[in-house]
N, C-alpha and C. Protein backbone atom coordinates (compact mmCIF):
# COMPACT_ATOMS: atom_id res chain seq x y z
N MET A 1 -99.13 31.53 86.47
CA MET A 1 -99.96 31.33 85.30
C MET A 1 -100.25 29.85 85.09
N SER A 2 -99.25 29.02 85.32
CA SER A 2 -99.42 27.59 85.14
C SER A 2 -100.42 27.02 86.16
N ASP A 3 -100.38 27.54 87.40
CA ASP A 3 -101.31 27.09 88.42
C ASP A 3 -102.74 27.47 88.06
N PHE A 4 -102.91 28.64 87.50
CA PHE A 4 -104.23 29.10 87.08
C PHE A 4 -104.79 28.21 85.98
N PHE A 5 -103.94 27.85 85.03
CA PHE A 5 -104.36 26.97 83.93
C PHE A 5 -104.77 25.60 84.46
N ILE A 6 -104.02 25.05 85.39
CA ILE A 6 -104.33 23.75 85.98
C ILE A 6 -105.66 23.83 86.74
N LEU A 7 -105.88 24.91 87.47
CA LEU A 7 -107.13 25.10 88.21
C LEU A 7 -108.32 25.17 87.26
N ILE A 8 -108.19 25.92 86.18
CA ILE A 8 -109.25 26.02 85.18
C ILE A 8 -109.51 24.65 84.55
N LEU A 9 -108.46 23.89 84.25
CA LEU A 9 -108.60 22.57 83.66
C LEU A 9 -109.34 21.64 84.61
N ILE A 10 -109.02 21.68 85.89
CA ILE A 10 -109.69 20.83 86.88
C ILE A 10 -111.17 21.20 86.96
N ILE A 11 -111.48 22.48 86.96
CA ILE A 11 -112.88 22.93 87.02
C ILE A 11 -113.64 22.46 85.79
N VAL A 12 -113.03 22.56 84.62
CA VAL A 12 -113.68 22.12 83.39
C VAL A 12 -113.95 20.62 83.44
N VAL A 13 -113.01 19.84 83.93
CA VAL A 13 -113.18 18.39 84.01
C VAL A 13 -114.30 18.06 84.99
N ILE A 14 -114.34 18.73 86.13
CA ILE A 14 -115.39 18.48 87.12
C ILE A 14 -116.76 18.84 86.54
N LEU A 15 -116.87 19.99 85.91
CA LEU A 15 -118.14 20.38 85.30
C LEU A 15 -118.54 19.43 84.18
N GLY A 16 -117.58 18.96 83.43
CA GLY A 16 -117.86 17.98 82.39
C GLY A 16 -118.39 16.69 82.97
N PHE A 17 -117.84 16.28 84.10
CA PHE A 17 -118.31 15.06 84.75
C PHE A 17 -119.73 15.26 85.29
N ILE A 18 -119.99 16.41 85.88
CA ILE A 18 -121.31 16.67 86.45
C ILE A 18 -122.38 16.72 85.36
N TYR A 19 -122.07 17.37 84.26
CA TYR A 19 -123.04 17.55 83.18
C TYR A 19 -122.83 16.58 82.03
N ARG A 20 -122.26 15.41 82.31
CA ARG A 20 -121.95 14.46 81.23
C ARG A 20 -123.18 13.96 80.50
N ASP A 21 -124.31 13.81 81.19
CA ASP A 21 -125.52 13.33 80.51
C ASP A 21 -126.03 14.37 79.52
N ARG A 22 -126.02 15.63 79.94
CA ARG A 22 -126.47 16.70 79.02
C ARG A 22 -125.55 16.80 77.81
N ILE A 23 -124.26 16.69 78.05
CA ILE A 23 -123.30 16.78 76.95
C ILE A 23 -123.50 15.60 76.00
N LYS A 24 -123.68 14.42 76.57
CA LYS A 24 -123.87 13.22 75.75
C LYS A 24 -125.13 13.34 74.90
N ASN A 25 -126.24 13.79 75.52
CA ASN A 25 -127.49 13.91 74.78
C ASN A 25 -127.42 15.00 73.72
N ARG A 26 -126.66 16.04 73.98
CA ARG A 26 -126.59 17.15 73.02
C ARG A 26 -125.75 16.81 71.80
N PHE A 27 -124.59 16.15 72.02
CA PHE A 27 -123.66 15.93 70.93
C PHE A 27 -123.68 14.51 70.37
N PHE A 28 -124.15 13.56 71.14
CA PHE A 28 -124.13 12.16 70.70
C PHE A 28 -125.51 11.55 70.84
N ARG A 29 -126.48 12.14 70.20
CA ARG A 29 -127.84 11.64 70.26
C ARG A 29 -127.95 10.29 69.57
N GLU A 30 -128.82 9.45 70.17
CA GLU A 30 -129.10 8.18 69.50
C GLU A 30 -130.07 8.46 68.37
N LYS A 31 -129.79 7.86 67.26
CA LYS A 31 -130.68 8.04 66.12
C LYS A 31 -131.90 7.17 66.30
N GLN A 32 -133.05 7.71 65.93
CA GLN A 32 -134.28 6.95 66.01
C GLN A 32 -134.22 5.80 65.01
N LYS A 33 -134.53 4.63 65.49
CA LYS A 33 -134.54 3.48 64.61
C LYS A 33 -135.92 3.33 64.01
N ASN A 34 -135.97 2.82 62.82
CA ASN A 34 -137.24 2.57 62.16
C ASN A 34 -137.74 1.20 62.59
N TYR A 35 -138.69 1.23 63.52
CA TYR A 35 -139.25 -0.01 64.02
C TYR A 35 -140.48 -0.39 63.19
N THR A 36 -140.62 -1.67 63.01
CA THR A 36 -141.85 -2.15 62.38
C THR A 36 -142.92 -2.23 63.46
N ILE A 37 -144.14 -2.45 63.06
CA ILE A 37 -145.24 -2.57 64.01
C ILE A 37 -145.00 -3.76 64.93
N ASP A 38 -144.48 -4.84 64.37
CA ASP A 38 -144.20 -6.03 65.18
C ASP A 38 -143.10 -5.76 66.21
N ASP A 39 -142.06 -5.05 65.80
CA ASP A 39 -140.98 -4.72 66.74
C ASP A 39 -141.50 -3.87 67.89
N ARG A 40 -142.31 -2.88 67.57
CA ARG A 40 -142.86 -2.01 68.60
C ARG A 40 -143.78 -2.79 69.55
N PHE A 41 -144.60 -3.68 68.98
CA PHE A 41 -145.49 -4.51 69.79
C PHE A 41 -144.69 -5.40 70.74
N ASN A 42 -143.64 -6.04 70.21
CA ASN A 42 -142.82 -6.92 71.04
C ASN A 42 -142.06 -6.15 72.11
N ALA A 43 -141.59 -4.96 71.80
CA ALA A 43 -140.90 -4.14 72.80
C ALA A 43 -141.87 -3.73 73.91
N ASP A 44 -143.08 -3.34 73.53
CA ASP A 44 -144.09 -2.98 74.53
C ASP A 44 -144.45 -4.17 75.39
N LYS A 45 -144.55 -5.34 74.78
CA LYS A 45 -144.89 -6.55 75.53
C LYS A 45 -143.79 -6.89 76.53
N ARG A 46 -142.54 -6.75 76.12
CA ARG A 46 -141.43 -7.01 77.04
C ARG A 46 -141.44 -6.03 78.21
N GLU A 47 -141.75 -4.77 77.95
CA GLU A 47 -141.81 -3.77 79.03
C GLU A 47 -142.93 -4.10 80.01
N ARG A 48 -144.09 -4.50 79.48
CA ARG A 48 -145.20 -4.90 80.35
C ARG A 48 -144.82 -6.10 81.21
N GLU A 49 -144.16 -7.09 80.58
CA GLU A 49 -143.75 -8.29 81.33
C GLU A 49 -142.75 -7.96 82.42
N LYS A 50 -141.83 -7.04 82.13
CA LYS A 50 -140.85 -6.63 83.15
C LYS A 50 -141.55 -5.96 84.33
N GLU A 51 -142.51 -5.10 84.02
CA GLU A 51 -143.23 -4.42 85.10
C GLU A 51 -144.07 -5.39 85.91
N ILE A 52 -144.71 -6.34 85.24
CA ILE A 52 -145.49 -7.36 85.95
C ILE A 52 -144.57 -8.19 86.83
N ASP A 53 -143.41 -8.59 86.31
CA ASP A 53 -142.46 -9.38 87.09
C ASP A 53 -141.99 -8.61 88.32
N ARG A 54 -141.74 -7.32 88.16
CA ARG A 54 -141.30 -6.50 89.28
C ARG A 54 -142.38 -6.45 90.36
N LEU A 55 -143.62 -6.22 89.94
CA LEU A 55 -144.71 -6.14 90.91
C LEU A 55 -144.97 -7.49 91.58
N LEU A 56 -144.90 -8.58 90.81
CA LEU A 56 -145.13 -9.90 91.38
C LEU A 56 -144.02 -10.31 92.35
N SER A 57 -142.78 -9.93 92.03
CA SER A 57 -141.69 -10.28 92.94
C SER A 57 -141.81 -9.49 94.24
N LYS A 58 -142.25 -8.24 94.14
CA LYS A 58 -142.47 -7.44 95.35
C LYS A 58 -143.60 -8.06 96.16
N MET A 59 -144.64 -8.49 95.49
CA MET A 59 -145.77 -9.10 96.17
C MET A 59 -145.38 -10.46 96.76
N GLY A 60 -144.52 -11.19 96.08
CA GLY A 60 -144.11 -12.51 96.54
C GLY A 60 -143.28 -12.48 97.82
N LYS A 61 -142.58 -11.39 98.06
CA LYS A 61 -141.75 -11.31 99.26
C LYS A 61 -142.59 -11.15 100.52
N ASN A 62 -143.55 -10.25 100.50
CA ASN A 62 -144.31 -9.93 101.71
C ASN A 62 -145.81 -10.05 101.55
N GLY A 63 -146.28 -10.59 100.46
CA GLY A 63 -147.71 -10.73 100.25
C GLY A 63 -148.30 -9.54 99.52
N ILE A 64 -149.59 -9.65 99.23
CA ILE A 64 -150.27 -8.61 98.44
C ILE A 64 -150.39 -7.30 99.21
N ASN A 65 -150.33 -7.37 100.54
CA ASN A 65 -150.44 -6.14 101.32
C ASN A 65 -149.23 -5.23 101.16
N ASP A 66 -148.15 -5.77 100.60
CA ASP A 66 -146.95 -4.97 100.39
C ASP A 66 -147.12 -3.99 99.22
N LEU A 67 -148.07 -4.28 98.33
CA LEU A 67 -148.31 -3.40 97.18
C LEU A 67 -149.17 -2.21 97.58
N SER A 68 -148.83 -1.06 97.04
CA SER A 68 -149.66 0.12 97.28
C SER A 68 -150.91 0.03 96.41
N PRO A 69 -151.94 0.80 96.72
CA PRO A 69 -153.15 0.77 95.88
C PRO A 69 -152.85 1.11 94.42
N LYS A 70 -151.92 2.02 94.21
CA LYS A 70 -151.56 2.39 92.84
C LYS A 70 -150.91 1.20 92.12
N GLU A 71 -150.05 0.46 92.84
CA GLU A 71 -149.40 -0.70 92.24
C GLU A 71 -150.40 -1.82 91.98
N ARG A 72 -151.36 -2.00 92.88
CA ARG A 72 -152.40 -3.02 92.66
C ARG A 72 -153.21 -2.71 91.42
N LYS A 73 -153.57 -1.43 91.27
CA LYS A 73 -154.35 -1.01 90.11
C LYS A 73 -153.55 -1.23 88.83
N ARG A 74 -152.26 -0.90 88.87
CA ARG A 74 -151.41 -1.07 87.69
C ARG A 74 -151.27 -2.55 87.34
N LEU A 75 -151.13 -3.41 88.36
CA LEU A 75 -151.04 -4.84 88.11
C LEU A 75 -152.32 -5.38 87.48
N ASP A 76 -153.48 -4.89 87.94
CA ASP A 76 -154.74 -5.29 87.33
C ASP A 76 -154.82 -4.86 85.87
N GLU A 77 -154.39 -3.62 85.59
CA GLU A 77 -154.42 -3.11 84.22
C GLU A 77 -153.51 -3.95 83.31
N LEU A 78 -152.32 -4.25 83.81
CA LEU A 78 -151.37 -5.01 82.99
C LEU A 78 -151.82 -6.44 82.76
N SER A 79 -152.49 -7.02 83.76
CA SER A 79 -152.89 -8.42 83.60
C SER A 79 -154.07 -8.56 82.63
N LYS A 80 -154.80 -7.48 82.39
CA LYS A 80 -155.94 -7.53 81.46
C LYS A 80 -155.52 -7.39 80.01
N LYS A 81 -154.31 -6.91 79.76
CA LYS A 81 -153.85 -6.71 78.37
C LYS A 81 -153.41 -8.00 77.74
């Protein structure tokens, strides 16, 4: 009986580890913060800058030919904002 209990406990721990993200999102949700318009604008601007930096660093390593057509289009869109 004790071996069976230990086996069940190990299975529960393994399943808990595998599904930890689902468990976390279900029971420990992050509360939505009340952002002002300025906060949202600044957060969006930071995200755009991060994406531009990522694309430029990729381009800087091997040249513009290293970017896919989709990435080139995205870089053009971001640089116009």
